[in-house]
Amino acid sequence: MSIQDIIEGKREWRAHMARVKALPQDYQFVYKEIQKYLFKVGPVELSEGTGLLSGIVDLFEEGTTLGKGVLEVTGSDVAAFCDDLIKDSKTYADLYQESVNQEVNKAIKKSVEKTK
């Protein structure tokens, strides 16, 4: 990653956060909770720019334009909304689980080969 990439990433993030700050307060609050949830759950794509988060802002901007409350957009179970957004995404937990399984399989294979 070059310095230019880092600078561009910061610009992109600042522009993204400016869009969030332009949303009504209830939308901002729910967005921040979604962001925290997604950072904890860890979909890998979050480390690749603001794509997923920008999509949420797009959805929220559309909701405000239509005069909807934020929970009309997300539903009352915001965690389920988040889970649905990332259901087909690979998470860091998935990557770790795959790594553990590979290590266990390697160790078992070596152990079996030694006993032959």
PDB file of N, CA and C in Angstrom:
ATOM      1  N   MET A   1       0.843  -1.180   0.000  1.00  0.00           N
ATOM      2  CA  MET A   1       0.000   0.000   0.000  1.00  0.00           C
ATOM      3  C   MET A   1       0.888   1.242   0.000  1.00  0.00           C
ATOM      4  N   SER A   2       0.643   2.129  -0.927  1.00  0.00           N
ATOM      5  CA  SER A   2       1.458   3.341  -1.048  1.00  0.00           C
ATOM      6  C   SER A   2       0.880   4.463  -0.189  1.00  0.00           C
ATOM      7  N   ILE A   3       1.675   5.474   0.001  1.00  0.00           N
ATOM      8  CA  ILE A   3       1.216   6.660   0.733  1.00  0.00           C
ATOM      9  C   ILE A   3       0.013   7.267   0.021  1.00  0.00           C
ATOM     10  N   GLN A   4       0.055   7.258  -1.307  1.00  0.00           N
ATOM     11  CA  GLN A   4      -1.067   7.798  -2.095  1.00  0.00           C
ATOM     12  C   GLN A   4      -2.356   7.027  -1.789  1.00  0.00           C
ATOM     13  N   ASP A   5      -2.252   5.703  -1.655  1.00  0.00           N
ATOM     14  CA  ASP A   5      -3.423   4.886  -1.313  1.00  0.00           C
ATOM     15  C   ASP A   5      -3.977   5.260   0.055  1.00  0.00           C
ATOM     16  N   ILE A   6      -3.073   5.496   0.991  1.00  0.00           N
ATOM     17  CA  ILE A   6      -3.490   5.872   2.353  1.00  0.00           C
ATOM     18  C   ILE A   6      -4.192   7.225   2.325  1.00  0.00           C
ATOM     19  N   ILE A   7      -3.605   8.183   1.611  1.00  0.00           N
ATOM     20  CA  ILE A   7      -4.201   9.521   1.509  1.00  0.00           C
ATOM     21  C   ILE A   7      -5.582   9.428   0.858  1.00  0.00           C
ATOM     22  N   GLU A   8      -5.675   8.660  -0.219  1.00  0.00           N
ATOM     23  CA  GLU A   8      -6.959   8.508  -0.911  1.00  0.00           C
ATOM     24  C   GLU A   8      -7.980   7.830   0.004  1.00  0.00           C
ATOM     25  N   GLY A   9      -7.539   6.846   0.764  1.00  0.00           N
ATOM     26  CA  GLY A   9      -8.424   6.172   1.708  1.00  0.00           C
ATOM     27  C   GLY A   9      -8.962   7.128   2.759  1.00  0.00           C
ATOM     28  N   LYS A  10      -8.085   8.010   3.254  1.00  0.00           N
ATOM     29  CA  LYS A  10      -8.525   9.005   4.248  1.00  0.00           C
ATOM     30  C   LYS A  10      -9.530   9.977   3.638  1.00  0.00           C
ATOM     31  N   ARG A  11      -9.264  10.402   2.398  1.00  0.00           N
ATOM     32  CA  ARG A  11     -10.204  11.311   1.714  1.00  0.00           C
ATOM     33  C   ARG A  11     -11.568  10.643   1.562  1.00  0.00           C
ATOM     34  N   GLU A  12     -11.523   9.400   1.122  1.00  0.00           N
ATOM     35  CA  GLU A  12     -12.762   8.649   0.921  1.00  0.00           C
ATOM     36  C   GLU A  12     -13.524   8.515   2.246  1.00  0.00           C
ATOM     37  N   TRP A  13     -12.791   8.218   3.328  1.00  0.00           N
ATOM     38  CA  TRP A  13     -13.428   8.058   4.641  1.00  0.00           C
ATOM     39  C   TRP A  13     -14.033   9.383   5.116  1.00  0.00           C
ATOM     40  N   ARG A  14     -13.307  10.492   4.943  1.00  0.00           N
ATOM     41  CA  ARG A  14     -13.829  11.804   5.362  1.00  0.00           C
ATOM     42  C   ARG A  14     -15.095  12.156   4.587  1.00  0.00           C
ATOM     43  N   ALA A  15     -15.093  11.901   3.294  1.00  0.00           N
ATOM     44  CA  ALA A  15     -16.277  12.184   2.474  1.00  0.00           C
ATOM     45  C   ALA A  15     -17.445  11.302   2.919  1.00  0.00           C
ATOM     46  N   HIS A  16     -17.136  10.058   3.230  1.00  0.00           N
ATOM     47  CA  HIS A  16     -18.165   9.134   3.706  1.00  0.00           C
ATOM     48  C   HIS A  16     -18.767   9.640   5.024  1.00  0.00           C
ATOM     49  N   MET A  17     -17.914  10.027   5.963  1.00  0.00           N
ATOM     50  CA  MET A  17     -18.393  10.493   7.264  1.00  0.00           C
ATOM     51  C   MET A  17     -19.152  11.822   7.140  1.00  0.00           C
ATOM     52  N   ALA A  18     -18.812  12.648   6.178  1.00  0.00           N
ATOM     53  CA  ALA A  18     -19.566  13.887   5.943  1.00  0.00           C
ATOM     54  C   ALA A  18     -20.995  13.543   5.527  1.00  0.00           C
ATOM     55  N   ARG A  19     -21.151  12.496   4.722  1.00  0.00           N
ATOM     56  CA  ARG A  19     -22.496  12.046   4.327  1.00  0.00           C
ATOM     57  C   ARG A  19     -23.271  11.554   5.556  1.00  0.00           C
ATOM     58  N   VAL A  20     -22.584  10.832   6.436  1.00  0.00           N
ATOM     59  CA  VAL A  20     -23.240  10.327   7.653  1.00  0.00           C
ATOM     60  C   VAL A  20     -23.710  11.503   8.506  1.00  0.00           C
ATOM     61  N   LYS A  21     -22.849  12.504   8.664  1.00  0.00           N
ATOM     62  CA  LYS A  21     -23.183  13.660   9.509  1.00  0.00           C
ATOM     63  C   LYS A  21     -24.319  14.493   8.933  1.00  0.00           C
ATOM     64  N   ALA A  22     -24.588  14.344   7.642  1.00  0.00           N
ATOM     65  CA  ALA A  22     -25.690  15.079   7.011  1.00  0.00           C
ATOM     66  C   ALA A  22     -27.037  14.380   7.247  1.00  0.00           C
ATOM     67  N   LEU A  23     -27.005  13.158   7.756  1.00  0.00           N
ATOM     68  CA  LEU A  23     -28.246  12.419   8.027  1.00  0.00           C
ATOM     69  C   LEU A  23     -28.913  12.952   9.291  1.00  0.00           C
ATOM     70  N   PRO A  24     -30.236  12.739   9.435  1.00  0.00           N
ATOM     71  CA  PRO A  24     -30.904  13.099  10.694  1.00  0.00           C
ATOM     72  C   PRO A  24     -30.286  12.336  11.876  1.00  0.00           C
ATOM     73  N   GLN A  25     -30.455  12.864  13.081  1.00  0.00           N
ATOM     74  CA  GLN A  25     -29.830  12.307  14.281  1.00  0.00           C
ATOM     75  C   GLN A  25     -30.140  10.824  14.492  1.00  0.00           C
ATOM     76  N   ASP A  26     -31.414  10.421  14.295  1.00  0.00           N
ATOM     77  CA  ASP A  26     -31.748   9.013  14.535  1.00  0.00           C
ATOM     78  C   ASP A  26     -31.026   8.102  13.553  1.00  0.00           C
ATOM     79  N   TYR A  27     -30.889   8.543  12.331  1.00  0.00           N
ATOM     80  CA  TYR A  27     -30.145   7.774  11.327  1.00  0.00           C
ATOM     81  C   TYR A  27     -28.658   7.711  11.694  1.00  0.00           C
ATOM     82  N   GLN A  28     -28.107   8.827  12.154  1.00  0.00           N
ATOM     83  CA  GLN A  28     -26.693   8.850  12.548  1.00  0.00           C
ATOM     84  C   GLN A  28     -26.439   7.867  13.688  1.00  0.00           C
ATOM     85  N   PHE A  29     -27.336   7.879  14.667  1.00  0.00           N
ATOM     86  CA  PHE A  29     -27.173   6.982  15.810  1.00  0.00           C
ATOM     87  C   PHE A  29     -27.192   5.519  15.357  1.00  0.00           C
ATOM     88  N   VAL A  30     -28.176   5.153  14.546  1.00  0.00           N
ATOM     89  CA  VAL A  30     -28.282   3.771  14.077  1.00  0.00           C
ATOM     90  C   VAL A  30     -27.087   3.420  13.189  1.00  0.00           C
ATOM     91  N   TYR A  31     -26.650   4.344  12.342  1.00  0.00           N
ATOM     92  CA  TYR A  31     -25.481   4.094  11.508  1.00  0.00           C
ATOM     93  C   TYR A  31     -24.272   3.761  12.388  1.00  0.00           C
ATOM     94  N   LYS A  32     -24.046   4.564  13.432  1.00  0.00           N
ATOM     95  CA  LYS A  32     -22.882   4.344  14.305  1.00  0.00           C
ATOM     96  C   LYS A  32     -22.969   2.994  15.007  1.00  0.00           C
ATOM     97  N   GLU A  33     -24.168   2.590  15.397  1.00  0.00           N
ATOM     98  CA  GLU A  33     -24.339   1.275  16.017  1.00  0.00           C
ATOM     99  C   GLU A  33     -24.076   0.160  15.008  1.00  0.00           C
ATOM    100  N   ILE A  34     -24.547   0.345  13.790  1.00  0.00           N
ATOM    101  CA  ILE A  34     -24.286  -0.640  12.716  1.00  0.00           C
ATOM    102  C   ILE A  34     -22.787  -0.728  12.469  1.00  0.00           C
ATOM    103  N   GLN A  35     -22.135   0.411  12.390  1.00  0.00           N
ATOM    104  CA  GLN A  35     -20.692   0.442  12.147  1.00  0.00           C
ATOM    105  C   GLN A  35     -19.957  -0.312  13.252  1.00  0.00           C
ATOM    106  N   LYS A  36     -20.296  -0.054  14.512  1.00  0.00           N
ATOM    107  CA  LYS A  36     -19.661  -0.754  15.632  1.00  0.00           C
ATOM    108  C   LYS A  36     -19.892  -2.256  15.528  1.00  0.00           C
ATOM    109  N   TYR A  37     -21.123  -2.627  15.234  1.00  0.00           N
ATOM    110  CA  TYR A  37     -21.473  -4.047  15.116  1.00  0.00           C
ATOM    111  C   TYR A  37     -20.648  -4.711  14.018  1.00  0.00           C
ATOM    112  N   LEU A  38     -20.592  -4.076  12.856  1.00  0.00           N
ATOM    113  CA  LEU A  38     -19.856  -4.661  11.737  1.00  0.00           C
ATOM    114  C   LEU A  38     -18.360  -4.723  12.015  1.00  0.00           C
ATOM    115  N   PHE A  39     -17.809  -3.733  12.717  1.00  0.00           N
ATOM    116  CA  PHE A  39     -16.386  -3.781  13.047  1.00  0.00           C
ATOM    117  C   PHE A  39     -16.101  -4.923  14.022  1.00  0.00           C
ATOM    118  N   LYS A  40     -17.055  -5.226  14.901  1.00  0.00           N
ATOM    119  CA  LYS A  40     -16.864  -6.339  15.843  1.00  0.00           C
ATOM    120  C   LYS A  40     -17.049  -7.687  15.163  1.00  0.00           C
ATOM    121  N   VAL A  41     -18.041  -7.792  14.301  1.00  0.00           N
ATOM    122  CA  VAL A  41     -18.314  -9.047  13.601  1.00  0.00           C
ATOM    123  C   VAL A  41     -17.223  -9.327  12.576  1.00  0.00           C
ATOM    124  N   GLY A  42     -16.739  -8.286  11.942  1.00  0.00           N
ATOM    125  CA  GLY A  42     -15.564  -8.379  11.103  1.00  0.00           C
ATOM    126  C   GLY A  42     -15.698  -8.920   9.707  1.00  0.00           C
ATOM    127  N   PRO A  43     -16.644  -8.439   8.899  1.00  0.00           N
ATOM    128  CA  PRO A  43     -16.603  -8.875   7.507  1.00  0.00           C
ATOM    129  C   PRO A  43     -15.331  -8.354   6.843  1.00  0.00           C
ATOM    130  N   VAL A  44     -14.631  -9.215   6.129  1.00  0.00           N
ATOM    131  CA  VAL A  44     -13.345  -8.886   5.512  1.00  0.00           C
ATOM    132  C   VAL A  44     -13.465  -7.678   4.596  1.00  0.00           C
ATOM    133  N   GLU A  45     -14.601  -7.555   3.898  1.00  0.00           N
ATOM    134  CA  GLU A  45     -14.738  -6.464   2.929  1.00  0.00           C
ATOM    135  C   GLU A  45     -14.690  -5.079   3.566  1.00  0.00           C
ATOM    136  N   LEU A  46     -14.881  -4.973   4.889  1.00  0.00           N
ATOM    137  CA  LEU A  46     -14.791  -3.658   5.530  1.00  0.00           C
ATOM    138  C   LEU A  46     -13.383  -3.098   5.450  1.00  0.00           C
ATOM    139  N   SER A  47     -12.386  -3.969   5.343  1.00  0.00           N
ATOM    140  CA  SER A  47     -11.014  -3.491   5.253  1.00  0.00           C
ATOM    141  C   SER A  47     -10.654  -3.068   3.829  1.00  0.00           C
ATOM    142  N   GLU A  48     -11.592  -3.221   2.920  1.00  0.00           N
ATOM    143  CA  GLU A  48     -11.330  -2.915   1.506  1.00  0.00           C
ATOM    144  C   GLU A  48     -12.077  -1.672   1.043  1.00  0.00           C
ATOM    145  N   GLY A  49     -12.115  -0.642   1.879  1.00  0.00           N
ATOM    146  CA  GLY A  49     -12.794   0.597   1.492  1.00  0.00           C
ATOM    147  C   GLY A  49     -14.142   0.731   2.176  1.00  0.00           C
ATOM    148  N   THR A  50     -14.904   1.705   1.706  1.00  0.00           N
ATOM    149  CA  THR A  50     -16.167   2.026   2.375  1.00  0.00           C
ATOM    150  C   THR A  50     -17.381   1.450   1.655  1.00  0.00           C
ATOM    151  N   GLY A  51     -17.195   0.513   0.744  1.00  0.00           N
ATOM    152  CA  GLY A  51     -18.282   0.000  -0.087  1.00  0.00           C
ATOM    153  C   GLY A  51     -19.540  -0.388   0.675  1.00  0.00           C
ATOM    154  N   LEU A  52     -19.421  -1.294   1.632  1.00  0.00           N
ATOM    155  CA  LEU A  52     -20.584  -1.755   2.395  1.00  0.00           C
ATOM    156  C   LEU A  52     -21.193  -0.608   3.197  1.00  0.00           C
ATOM    157  N   LEU A  53     -20.353   0.152   3.872  1.00  0.00           N
ATOM    158  CA  LEU A  53     -20.848   1.264   4.686  1.00  0.00           C
ATOM    159  C   LEU A  53     -21.471   2.350   3.816  1.00  0.00           C
ATOM    160  N   SER A  54     -20.894   2.596   2.650  1.00  0.00           N
ATOM    161  CA  SER A  54     -21.479   3.581   1.728  1.00  0.00           C
ATOM    162  C   SER A  54     -22.844   3.118   1.239  1.00  0.00           C
ATOM    163  N   GLY A  55     -22.983   1.824   1.035  1.00  0.00           N
ATOM    164  CA  GLY A  55     -24.284   1.275   0.645  1.00  0.00           C
ATOM    165  C   GLY A  55     -25.334   1.524   1.710  1.00  0.00           C
ATOM    166  N   ILE A  56     -24.935   1.414   2.969  1.00  0.00           N
ATOM    167  CA  ILE A  56     -25.863   1.694   4.077  1.00  0.00           C
ATOM    168  C   ILE A  56     -26.256   3.163   4.066  1.00  0.00           C
ATOM    169  N   VAL A  57     -25.275   4.044   3.850  1.00  0.00           N
ATOM    170  CA  VAL A  57     -25.575   5.485   3.787  1.00  0.00           C
ATOM    171  C   VAL A  57     -26.500   5.763   2.611  1.00  0.00           C
ATOM    172  N   ASP A  58     -26.259   5.127   1.465  1.00  0.00           N
ATOM    173  CA  ASP A  58     -27.164   5.286   0.310  1.00  0.00           C
ATOM    174  C   ASP A  58     -28.596   4.928   0.709  1.00  0.00           C
ATOM    175  N   LEU A  59     -28.735   3.797   1.370  1.00  0.00           N
ATOM    176  CA  LEU A  59     -30.046   3.327   1.803  1.00  0.00           C
ATOM    177  C   LEU A  59     -30.685   4.319   2.781  1.00  0.00           C
ATOM    178  N   PHE A  60     -29.879   4.819   3.710  1.00  0.00           N
ATOM    179  CA  PHE A  60     -30.381   5.776   4.693  1.00  0.00           C
ATOM    180  C   PHE A  60     -30.758   7.105   4.032  1.00  0.00           C
ATOM    181  N   GLU A  61     -29.963   7.561   3.086  1.00  0.00           N
ATOM    182  CA  GLU A  61     -30.301   8.804   2.374  1.00  0.00           C
ATOM    183  C   GLU A  61     -31.626   8.644   1.637  1.00  0.00           C
ATOM    184  N   GLU A  62     -31.799   7.482   1.026  1.00  0.00           N
ATOM    185  CA  GLU A  62     -33.062   7.212   0.330  1.00  0.00           C
ATOM    186  C   GLU A  62     -34.229   7.195   1.318  1.00  0.00           C
ATOM    187  N   GLY A  63     -34.011   6.590   2.488  1.00  0.00           N
ATOM    188  CA  GLY A  63     -35.049   6.555   3.521  1.00  0.00           C
ATOM    189  C   GLY A  63     -35.451   7.944   3.984  1.00  0.00           C
ATOM    190  N   THR A  64     -34.466   8.824   4.167  1.00  0.00           N
ATOM    191  CA  THR A  64     -34.800  10.191   4.602  1.00  0.00           C
ATOM    192  C   THR A  64     -35.537  10.941   3.499  1.00  0.00           C
ATOM    193  N   THR A  65     -35.136  10.714   2.253  1.00  0.00           N
ATOM    194  CA  THR A  65     -35.806  11.355   1.122  1.00  0.00           C
ATOM    195  C   THR A  65     -37.276  10.936   1.061  1.00  0.00           C
ATOM    196  N   LEU A  66     -37.536   9.679   1.383  1.00  0.00           N
ATOM    197  CA  LEU A  66     -38.905   9.167   1.373  1.00  0.00           C
ATOM    198  C   LEU A  66     -39.676   9.491   2.653  1.00  0.00           C
ATOM    199  N   GLY A  67     -38.990  10.151   3.598  1.00  0.00           N
ATOM    200  CA  GLY A  67     -39.648  10.539   4.844  1.00  0.00           C
ATOM    201  C   GLY A  67     -39.844   9.386   5.822  1.00  0.00           C
ATOM    202  N   LYS A  68     -39.054   8.329   5.679  1.00  0.00           N
ATOM    203  CA  LYS A  68     -39.179   7.169   6.572  1.00  0.00           C
ATOM    204  C   LYS A  68     -38.310   7.349   7.807  1.00  0.00           C
ATOM    205  N   GLY A  69     -38.769   6.791   8.925  1.00  0.00           N
ATOM    206  CA  GLY A  69     -37.940   6.711  10.120  1.00  0.00           C
ATOM    207  C   GLY A  69     -36.878   5.648   9.897  1.00  0.00           C
ATOM    208  N   VAL A  70     -35.783   5.744  10.614  1.00  0.00           N
ATOM    209  CA  VAL A  70     -34.672   4.829  10.402  1.00  0.00           C
ATOM    210  C   VAL A  70     -35.062   3.368  10.618  1.00  0.00           C
ATOM    211  N   LEU A  71     -35.917   3.095  11.621  1.00  0.00           N
ATOM    212  CA  LEU A  71     -36.305   1.711  11.874  1.00  0.00           C
ATOM    213  C   LEU A  71     -37.286   1.182  10.838  1.00  0.00           C
ATOM    214  N   GLU A  72     -37.897   2.086  10.074  1.00  0.00           N
ATOM    215  CA  GLU A  72     -38.690   1.632   8.926  1.00  0.00           C
ATOM    216  C   GLU A  72     -37.769   1.110   7.825  1.00  0.00           C
ATOM    217  N   VAL A  73     -36.557   1.614   7.800  1.00  0.00           N
ATOM    218  CA  VAL A  73     -35.579   1.193   6.794  1.00  0.00           C
ATOM    219  C   VAL A  73     -34.881  -0.101   7.233  1.00  0.00           C
ATOM    220  N   THR A  74     -34.452  -0.155   8.490  1.00  0.00           N
ATOM    221  CA  THR A  74     -33.669  -1.302   8.964  1.00  0.00           C
ATOM    222  C   THR A  74     -34.524  -2.403   9.565  1.00  0.00           C
ATOM    223  N   GLY A  75     -35.718  -2.047  10.039  1.00  0.00           N
ATOM    224  CA  GLY A  75     -36.488  -2.972  10.859  1.00  0.00           C
ATOM    225  C   GLY A  75     -36.072  -2.766  12.311  1.00  0.00           C
ATOM    226  N   SER A  76     -36.851  -3.296  13.239  1.00  0.00           N
ATOM    227  CA  SER A  76     -36.569  -3.038  14.654  1.00  0.00           C
ATOM    228  C   SER A  76     -35.372  -3.832  15.173  1.00  0.00           C
ATOM    229  N   ASP A  77     -35.010  -4.924  14.513  1.00  0.00           N
ATOM    230  CA  ASP A  77     -33.849  -5.717  14.924  1.00  0.00           C
ATOM    231  C   ASP A  77     -32.655  -5.328  14.049  1.00  0.00           C
ATOM    232  N   VAL A  78     -31.924  -4.330  14.514  1.00  0.00           N
ATOM    233  CA  VAL A  78     -30.824  -3.768  13.721  1.00  0.00           C
ATOM    234  C   VAL A  78     -29.692  -4.795  13.563  1.00  0.00           C
ATOM    235  N   ALA A  79     -29.447  -5.612  14.572  1.00  0.00           N
ATOM    236  CA  ALA A  79     -28.410  -6.648  14.458  1.00  0.00           C
ATOM    237  C   ALA A  79     -28.781  -7.650  13.363  1.00  0.00           C
ATOM    238  N   ALA A  80     -30.040  -8.028  13.288  1.00  0.00           N
ATOM    239  CA  ALA A  80     -30.481  -8.944  12.225  1.00  0.00           C
ATOM    240  C   ALA A  80     -30.322  -8.281  10.852  1.00  0.00           C
ATOM    241  N   PHE A  81     -30.604  -6.985  10.779  1.00  0.00           N
ATOM    242  CA  PHE A  81     -30.393  -6.230   9.546  1.00  0.00           C
ATOM    243  C   PHE A  81     -28.928  -6.334   9.118  1.00  0.00           C
ATOM    244  N   CYS A  82     -28.020  -6.140  10.076  1.00  0.00           N
ATOM    245  CA  CYS A  82     -26.582  -6.231   9.794  1.00  0.00           C
ATOM    246  C   CYS A  82     -26.203  -7.640   9.350  1.00  0.00           C
ATOM    247  N   ASP A  83     -26.704  -8.631  10.082  1.00  0.00           N
ATOM    248  CA  ASP A  83     -26.388 -10.021   9.741  1.00  0.00           C
ATOM    249  C   ASP A  83     -26.847 -10.351   8.328  1.00  0.00           C
ATOM    250  N   ASP A  84     -27.997  -9.825   7.967  1.00  0.00           N
ATOM    251  CA  ASP A  84     -28.514 -10.071   6.625  1.00  0.00           C
ATOM    252  C   ASP A  84     -27.626  -9.415   5.566  1.00  0.00           C
ATOM    253  N   LEU A  85     -27.103  -8.231   5.885  1.00  0.00           N
ATOM    254  CA  LEU A  85     -26.220  -7.535   4.944  1.00  0.00           C
ATOM    255  C   LEU A  85     -24.950  -8.322   4.651  1.00  0.00           C
ATOM    256  N   ILE A  86     -24.451  -9.018   5.664  1.00  0.00           N
ATOM    257  CA  ILE A  86     -23.149  -9.681   5.515  1.00  0.00           C
ATOM    258  C   ILE A  86     -23.262 -11.199   5.448  1.00  0.00           C
ATOM    259  N   LYS A  87     -24.479 -11.711   5.261  1.00  0.00           N
ATOM    260  CA  LYS A  87     -24.663 -13.170   5.319  1.00  0.00           C
ATOM    261  C   LYS A  87     -23.813 -13.916   4.299  1.00  0.00           C
ATOM    262  N   ASP A  88     -23.503 -13.312   3.170  1.00  0.00           N
ATOM    263  CA  ASP A  88     -22.686 -13.981   2.164  1.00  0.00           C
ATOM    264  C   ASP A  88     -21.235 -13.496   2.171  1.00  0.00           C
ATOM    265  N   SER A  89     -20.886 -12.713   3.180  1.00  0.00           N
ATOM    266  CA  SER A  89     -19.529 -12.168   3.268  1.00  0.00           C
ATOM    267  C   SER A  89     -18.654 -13.060   4.129  1.00  0.00           C
ATOM    268  N   LYS A  90     -17.410 -13.094   3.794  1.00  0.00           N
ATOM    269  CA  LYS A  90     -16.435 -13.823   4.610  1.00  0.00           C
ATOM    270  C   LYS A  90     -16.034 -12.904   5.760  1.00  0.00           C
ATOM    271  N   THR A  91     -16.001 -13.452   6.967  1.00  0.00           N
ATOM    272  CA  THR A  91     -15.602 -12.672   8.138  1.00  0.00           C
ATOM    273  C   THR A  91     -14.207 -13.119   8.588  1.00  0.00           C
ATOM    274  N   TYR A  92     -13.605 -12.316   9.455  1.00  0.00           N
ATOM    275  CA  TYR A  92     -12.311 -12.706  10.007  1.00  0.00           C
ATOM    276  C   TYR A  92     -12.450 -13.972  10.842  1.00  0.00           C
ATOM    277  N   ALA A  93     -13.601 -14.164  11.462  1.00  0.00           N
ATOM    278  CA  ALA A  93     -13.845 -15.403  12.207  1.00  0.00           C
ATOM    279  C   ALA A  93     -13.825 -16.599  11.254  1.00  0.00           C
ATOM    280  N   ASP A  94     -14.412 -16.435  10.077  1.00  0.00           N
ATOM    281  CA  ASP A  94     -14.383 -17.513   9.074  1.00  0.00           C
ATOM    282  C   ASP A  94     -12.944 -17.840   8.672  1.00  0.00           C
ATOM    283  N   LEU A  95     -12.154 -16.802   8.425  1.00  0.00           N
ATOM    284  CA  LEU A  95     -10.754 -17.018   8.032  1.00  0.00           C
ATOM    285  C   LEU A  95      -9.981 -17.730   9.133  1.00  0.00           C
ATOM    286  N   TYR A  96     -10.222 -17.328  10.382  1.00  0.00           N
ATOM    287  CA  TYR A  96      -9.530 -17.945  11.503  1.00  0.00           C
ATOM    288  C   TYR A  96      -9.950 -19.407  11.642  1.00  0.00           C
ATOM    289  N   GLN A  97     -11.241 -19.651  11.499  1.00  0.00           N
ATOM    290  CA  GLN A  97     -11.758 -21.011  11.586  1.00  0.00           C
ATOM    291  C   GLN A  97     -11.125 -21.900  10.508  1.00  0.00           C
ATOM    292  N   GLU A  98     -11.020 -21.385   9.292  1.00  0.00           N
ATOM    293  CA  GLU A  98     -10.387 -22.139   8.209  1.00  0.00           C
ATOM    294  C   GLU A  98      -8.923 -22.431   8.541  1.00  0.00           C
ATOM    295  N   SER A  99      -8.228 -21.446   9.100  1.00  0.00           N
ATOM    296  CA  SER A  99      -6.826 -21.602   9.464  1.00  0.00           C
ATOM    297  C   SER A  99      -6.662 -22.685  10.533  1.00  0.00           C
ATOM    298  N   VAL A 100      -7.510 -22.658  11.547  1.00  0.00           N
ATOM    299  CA  VAL A 100      -7.456 -23.661  12.613  1.00  0.00           C
ATOM    300  C   VAL A 100      -7.700 -25.046  12.023  1.00  0.00           C
ATOM    301  N   ASN A 101      -8.711 -25.172  11.192  1.00  0.00           N
ATOM    302  CA  ASN A 101      -9.019 -26.469  10.587  1.00  0.00           C
ATOM    303  C   ASN A 101      -7.848 -26.984   9.751  1.00  0.00           C
ATOM    304  N   GLN A 102      -7.204 -26.103   8.997  1.00  0.00           N
ATOM    305  CA  GLN A 102      -6.056 -26.508   8.182  1.00  0.00           C
ATOM    306  C   GLN A 102      -4.910 -27.009   9.056  1.00  0.00           C
ATOM    307  N   GLU A 103      -4.654 -26.294  10.151  1.00  0.00           N
ATOM    308  CA  GLU A 103      -3.567 -26.690  11.052  1.00  0.00           C
ATOM    309  C   GLU A 103      -3.866 -28.044  11.697  1.00  0.00           C
ATOM    310  N   VAL A 104      -5.100 -28.245  12.131  1.00  0.00           N
ATOM    311  CA  VAL A 104      -5.489 -29.516  12.749  1.00  0.00           C
ATOM    312  C   VAL A 104      -5.361 -30.648  11.736  1.00  0.00           C
ATOM    313  N   ASN A 105      -5.847 -30.419  10.539  1.00  0.00           N
ATOM    314  CA  ASN A 105      -5.765 -31.455   9.502  1.00  0.00           C
ATOM    315  C   ASN A 105      -4.314 -31.801   9.167  1.00  0.00           C
ATOM    316  N   LYS A 106      -3.445 -30.783   9.100  1.00  0.00           N
ATOM    317  CA  LYS A 106      -2.025 -31.037   8.824  1.00  0.00           C
ATOM    318  C   LYS A 106      -1.410 -31.887   9.933  1.00  0.00           C
ATOM    319  N   ALA A 107      -1.713 -31.507  11.188  1.00  0.00           N
ATOM    320  CA  ALA A 107      -1.144 -32.221  12.332  1.00  0.00           C
ATOM    321  C   ALA A 107      -1.623 -33.674  12.358  1.00  0.00           C
ATOM    322  N   ILE A 108      -2.892 -33.891  12.080  1.00  0.00           N
ATOM    323  CA  ILE A 108      -3.437 -35.249  12.082  1.00  0.00           C
ATOM    324  C   ILE A 108      -2.825 -36.058  10.943  1.00  0.00           C
ATOM    325  N   LYS A 109      -2.677 -35.449   9.793  1.00  0.00           N
ATOM    326  CA  LYS A 109      -2.098 -36.137   8.642  1.00  0.00           C
ATOM    327  C   LYS A 109      -0.664 -36.565   8.949  1.00  0.00           C
ATOM    328  N   LYS A 110       0.125 -35.668   9.578  1.00  0.00           N
ATOM    329  CA  LYS A 110       1.504 -36.002   9.956  1.00  0.00           C
ATOM    330  C   LYS A 110       1.517 -37.142  10.963  1.00  0.00           C
ATOM    331  N   SER A 111       0.611 -37.083  11.921  1.00  0.00           N
ATOM    332  CA  SER A 111       0.537 -38.103  12.963  1.00  0.00           C
ATOM    333  C   SER A 111       0.192 -39.459  12.358  1.00  0.00           C
ATOM    334  N   VAL A 112      -0.736 -39.487  11.429  1.00  0.00           N
ATOM    335  CA  VAL A 112      -1.140 -40.732  10.762  1.00  0.00           C
ATOM    336  C   VAL A 112       0.021 -41.289   9.936  1.00  0.00           C
ATOM    337  N   GLU A 113       0.736 -40.403   9.232  1.00  0.00           N
ATOM    338  CA  GLU A 113       1.868 -40.835   8.406  1.00  0.00           C
ATOM    339  C   GLU A 113       2.991 -41.422   9.250  1.00  0.00           C
ATOM    340  N   LYS A 114       3.202 -40.887  10.465  1.00  0.00           N
ATOM    341  CA  LYS A 114       4.244 -41.387  11.348  1.00  0.00           C
ATOM    342  C   LYS A 114       3.911 -42.786  11.862  1.00  0.00           C
ATOM    343  N   THR A 115       2.632 -43.069  12.039  1.00  0.00           N
ATOM    344  CA  THR A 115       2.235 -44.371  12.584  1.00  0.00           C
ATOM    345  C   THR A 115       2.196 -45.469  11.532  1.00  0.00           C
ATOM    346  N   LYS A 116       2.340 -45.092  10.274  1.00  0.00           N
ATOM    347  CA  LYS A 116       2.309 -46.110   9.196  1.00  0.00           C
ATOM    348  C   LYS A 116       3.610 -46.836   9.081  1.00  0.00           C
TER     349      LYS A 116
END
